[in-house]
Amino acid sequence: MMEQKKLEQEQKREEARLRKEKLEEEKQRKIEEAKKLKEERKSSSSSVTSPVTVTHTIAGEKRPADEINNEKNEIVTTPPVVTKKQRKVSNPPSPTSASSLKKEKEELEFKQKEVLKQQSEMQQQIKNREEEIKQTQIFNILKSIWEESNSLSDEDKVTIEKFISGQYAKREGQVEILLNKKEIASEKNDGKKLLETLTIRLDYNECKWSKIRRKKKIH
């Protein structure tokens, strides 16, 4: 019974560790994806139209020579004037821009598929690891039972193996199977002998098993 509890605790710890590793890997992957998306959005942002520089030359006016010389080559910066008609057709989507957007969309879809594929592979690895742990535990339990038995028939072995591995048909009740029996000396040192029996109880109602050791006097 103690061995079974110890194995169950070991399995729970291993499962908790695997879940923690999975969460950490998913968290790190999401952070990296967010960084990549942010960088892609920055690189694809449209550039700001620079203002147009217009040079006005003053002519045909009678002004002092100094004033004319100061204003002659004056530089004035003004934004371009765009009419409603021009606004409709001023920036038509270029073939290069449409192709770039399509390419980015395809890359994003590809990355999403890769993430889903990696998640599926990770889940499969966890399932395989859990199954490996389960089979190891079953092997160790059966090994300890066979080592303590000297009275098992082939039929009893099959029954025990199916129960421990969870491959039995649903039923109710309990079954006790004799594993071992032997004569031992009495603990009272009175020269008498006792018959010690070791049985395994398979509880189909609770899906649990236990070993039971009994001693009785030999008449």
Protein backbone atom coordinates (compact mmCIF):
# COMPACT_ATOMS: atom_id res chain seq x y z
CA MET A 1 0.00 0.00 0.00
CA MET A 2 2.85 2.38 0.83
CA GLU A 3 4.53 1.59 -2.50
CA GLN A 4 1.35 2.46 -4.39
CA LYS A 5 0.98 5.81 -2.59
CA LYS A 6 4.63 6.62 -3.22
CA LEU A 7 4.25 5.88 -6.94
CA GLU A 8 1.07 7.96 -7.15
CA GLN A 9 2.83 10.91 -5.49
CA GLU A 10 5.75 10.57 -7.89
CA GLN A 11 3.38 10.61 -10.87
CA LYS A 12 1.59 13.74 -9.57
CA ARG A 13 4.89 15.57 -9.11
CA GLU A 14 6.03 14.63 -12.61
CA GLU A 15 2.70 15.74 -14.12
CA ALA A 16 2.90 19.08 -12.27
CA ARG A 17 6.45 19.63 -13.53
CA LEU A 18 5.44 18.91 -17.13
CA ARG A 19 2.46 21.29 -16.91
CA LYS A 20 4.72 24.02 -15.49
CA GLU A 21 7.29 23.56 -18.29
CA LYS A 22 4.53 23.71 -20.89
CA LEU A 23 3.11 26.95 -19.47
CA GLU A 24 6.58 28.55 -19.35
CA GLU A 25 7.32 27.60 -22.98
CA GLU A 26 3.93 28.91 -24.18
CA LYS A 27 4.44 32.17 -22.27
CA GLN A 28 7.92 32.69 -23.79
CA ARG A 29 6.65 31.89 -27.29
CA LYS A 30 3.79 34.39 -26.98
CA ILE A 31 6.21 37.11 -25.87
CA GLU A 32 8.46 36.46 -28.88
CA GLU A 33 5.48 36.47 -31.28
CA ALA A 34 4.26 39.79 -29.86
CA LYS A 35 7.72 41.32 -30.38
CA LYS A 36 7.88 40.09 -34.00
CA LEU A 37 4.39 41.43 -34.79
CA LYS A 38 5.29 44.80 -33.29
CA GLU A 39 8.45 45.04 -35.40
CA GLU A 40 6.54 44.07 -38.57
CA ARG A 41 3.91 46.74 -37.95
CA LYS A 42 6.61 49.38 -37.49
CA SER A 43 8.35 48.43 -40.74
CA SER A 44 5.07 48.46 -42.74
CA SER A 45 3.82 51.86 -41.48
CA SER A 46 3.43 54.48 -44.25
CA SER A 47 5.86 57.39 -44.48
CA VAL A 48 4.74 61.00 -43.83
CA THR A 49 4.64 63.28 -46.85
CA SER A 50 7.32 65.98 -46.52
CA PRO A 51 6.26 69.59 -46.91
CA VAL A 52 6.94 71.34 -50.21
CA THR A 53 9.45 74.17 -50.18
CA VAL A 54 8.47 77.09 -52.43
CA THR A 55 10.70 80.07 -53.19
CA HIS A 56 8.93 83.40 -53.77
CA THR A 57 10.79 86.19 -55.58
CA ILE A 58 9.43 89.71 -55.18
CA ALA A 59 9.55 91.80 -58.39
CA GLY A 60 7.80 94.77 -59.97
CA GLU A 61 7.59 96.73 -56.74
CA LYS A 62 9.39 99.92 -55.86
CA ARG A 63 10.95 99.26 -52.47
CA PRO A 64 14.17 100.23 -50.82
CA ALA A 65 17.14 98.30 -52.09
CA ASP A 66 17.85 96.79 -48.66
CA GLU A 67 14.26 95.57 -48.27
CA ILE A 68 14.22 94.11 -51.76
CA ASN A 69 17.54 92.35 -51.18
CA ASN A 70 16.24 90.93 -47.89
CA GLU A 71 12.95 89.69 -49.40
CA LYS A 72 14.26 88.77 -52.84
CA ASN A 73 15.30 85.26 -51.96
CA GLU A 74 12.94 84.65 -49.05
CA ILE A 75 12.04 80.95 -48.57
CA VAL A 76 8.49 80.08 -47.48
CA THR A 77 7.46 76.56 -46.51
CA THR A 78 3.82 75.71 -47.17
CA PRO A 79 1.96 72.40 -47.31
CA PRO A 80 0.59 71.33 -50.68
CA VAL A 81 -3.07 72.10 -51.36
CA VAL A 82 -5.10 69.03 -52.27
CA THR A 83 -8.62 69.34 -53.73
CA LYS A 84 -11.42 66.85 -53.10
CA LYS A 85 -10.99 65.43 -56.59
CA GLN A 86 -7.25 65.04 -56.11
CA ARG A 87 -7.79 63.55 -52.66
CA LYS A 88 -9.77 60.66 -54.15
CA VAL A 89 -7.02 59.63 -56.55
CA SER A 90 -3.91 61.07 -54.92
CA ASN A 91 -2.66 57.86 -53.31
CA PRO A 92 -3.99 54.82 -55.21
CA PRO A 93 -2.70 51.48 -53.85
CA SER A 94 0.32 50.49 -55.85
CA PRO A 95 0.86 46.90 -57.03
CA THR A 96 3.99 46.75 -54.88
CA SER A 97 2.05 47.76 -51.73
CA ALA A 98 -0.73 45.22 -52.39
CA SER A 99 1.86 42.49 -53.01
CA SER A 100 3.67 43.42 -49.78
CA LEU A 101 0.45 43.23 -47.75
CA LYS A 102 -0.40 39.86 -49.29
CA LYS A 103 3.07 38.57 -48.48
CA GLU A 104 2.81 39.76 -44.85
CA LYS A 105 -0.58 38.09 -44.52
CA GLU A 106 0.79 34.82 -45.87
CA GLU A 107 3.77 35.01 -43.51
CA LEU A 108 1.48 35.64 -40.54
CA GLU A 109 -0.74 32.69 -41.48
CA PHE A 110 2.33 30.51 -41.87
CA LYS A 111 3.59 31.52 -38.41
CA GLN A 112 0.19 30.80 -36.87
CA LYS A 113 0.20 27.33 -38.45
CA GLU A 114 3.71 26.73 -37.13
CA VAL A 115 2.63 27.73 -33.61
CA LEU A 116 -0.36 25.36 -33.76
CA LYS A 117 1.87 22.59 -35.06
CA GLN A 118 4.38 23.12 -32.23
CA GLN A 119 1.58 23.12 -29.64
CA SER A 120 0.20 19.88 -31.06
CA GLU A 121 3.66 18.28 -31.00
CA MET A 122 4.22 19.41 -27.42
CA GLN A 123 0.87 17.99 -26.30
CA GLN A 124 1.72 14.69 -27.97
CA GLN A 125 5.11 14.63 -26.23
CA ILE A 126 3.41 15.20 -22.87
CA LYS A 127 0.94 12.40 -23.56
CA ASN A 128 3.77 10.06 -24.55
CA ARG A 129 5.70 10.96 -21.39
CA GLU A 130 2.66 10.41 -19.19
CA GLU A 131 2.03 7.04 -20.83
CA GLU A 132 5.68 6.10 -20.32
CA ILE A 133 5.46 6.99 -16.61
CA LYS A 134 2.23 5.02 -16.28
CA GLN A 135 3.69 1.91 -17.92
CA THR A 136 6.79 2.14 -15.70
CA GLN A 137 4.63 2.32 -12.59
CA ILE A 138 2.53 -0.66 -13.71
CA PHE A 139 5.68 -2.65 -14.40
CA ASN A 140 7.12 -1.88 -10.94
CA ILE A 141 3.86 -2.73 -9.16
CA LEU A 142 3.47 -6.07 -10.95
CA LYS A 143 7.12 -6.87 -10.35
CA SER A 144 6.72 -6.38 -6.58
CA ILE A 145 3.57 -8.57 -6.60
CA TRP A 146 5.21 -11.41 -8.56
CA GLU A 147 8.25 -11.35 -6.25
CA GLU A 148 6.05 -11.95 -3.19
CA SER A 149 3.89 -14.66 -4.72
CA ASN A 150 4.36 -18.43 -4.79
CA SER A 151 0.76 -19.59 -5.21
CA LEU A 152 -0.51 -17.76 -8.28
CA SER A 153 -2.05 -19.53 -11.24
CA ASP A 154 -1.73 -18.20 -14.79
CA GLU A 155 -5.39 -17.16 -14.70
CA ASP A 156 -4.89 -15.21 -11.46
CA LYS A 157 -1.86 -13.43 -12.96
CA VAL A 158 -3.91 -12.29 -15.95
CA THR A 159 -6.69 -11.04 -13.64
CA ILE A 160 -4.24 -9.02 -11.52
CA GLU A 161 -2.39 -7.63 -14.53
CA LYS A 162 -5.60 -6.43 -16.20
CA PHE A 163 -6.78 -4.76 -12.99
CA ILE A 164 -3.49 -2.96 -12.30
CA SER A 165 -3.26 -1.70 -15.92
CA GLY A 166 -6.94 -0.65 -15.97
CA GLN A 167 -7.86 -2.96 -18.84
CA TYR A 168 -10.61 -4.90 -17.10
CA ALA A 169 -14.32 -4.95 -17.92
CA LYS A 170 -16.60 -2.96 -15.63
CA ARG A 171 -18.03 -4.99 -12.79
CA GLU A 172 -18.93 -4.71 -9.10
CA GLY A 173 -17.65 -6.28 -5.92
CA GLN A 174 -14.26 -7.34 -4.60
CA VAL A 175 -11.96 -10.24 -5.37
CA GLU A 176 -9.24 -11.69 -3.12
CA ILE A 177 -6.46 -13.75 -4.68
CA LEU A 178 -3.91 -15.75 -2.68
CA LEU A 179 -0.38 -14.64 -3.44
CA ASN A 180 1.67 -16.52 -0.90
CA LYS A 181 1.43 -18.87 2.05
CA LYS A 182 4.10 -20.21 4.36
CA GLU A 183 4.68 -21.56 7.84
CA ILE A 184 6.42 -19.29 10.33
CA ALA A 185 7.45 -19.62 13.98
CA SER A 186 5.22 -18.08 16.62
CA GLU A 187 6.33 -14.72 17.97
CA LYS A 188 5.83 -16.04 21.50
CA ASN A 189 8.74 -18.49 21.09
CA ASP A 190 6.56 -21.33 22.41
CA GLY A 191 7.62 -23.74 19.68
CA LYS A 192 4.33 -23.47 17.85
CA LYS A 193 4.05 -22.64 14.18
CA LEU A 194 1.73 -20.26 12.37
CA LEU A 195 0.42 -20.22 8.81
CA GLU A 196 0.97 -16.82 7.19
CA THR A 197 -1.01 -15.95 4.07
CA LEU A 198 -0.64 -12.97 1.76
CA THR A 199 -3.58 -12.06 -0.47
CA ILE A 200 -4.32 -9.20 -2.85
CA ARG A 201 -7.74 -7.60 -2.77
CA LEU A 202 -9.05 -6.10 -6.04
CA ASP A 203 -11.85 -3.61 -5.31
CA TYR A 204 -13.81 -3.09 -8.55
CA ASN A 205 -16.18 -0.62 -6.87
CA GLU A 206 -13.43 1.84 -5.81
CA CYS A 207 -10.87 0.84 -8.49
CA LYS A 208 -8.28 0.20 -5.76
CA TRP A 209 -6.16 -2.72 -4.70
CA SER A 210 -4.42 -3.68 -1.47
CA LYS A 211 -2.35 -6.48 0.05
CA ILE A 212 -3.60 -8.29 3.15
CA ARG A 213 -1.38 -10.38 5.40
CA ARG A 214 -2.99 -12.84 7.85
CA LYS A 215 -1.65 -15.28 10.45
CA LYS A 216 -3.41 -18.23 12.03
CA LYS A 217 -2.48 -21.13 14.26
CA ILE A 218 -1.75 -24.54 12.79
CA HIS A 219 -3.67 -27.21 14.66
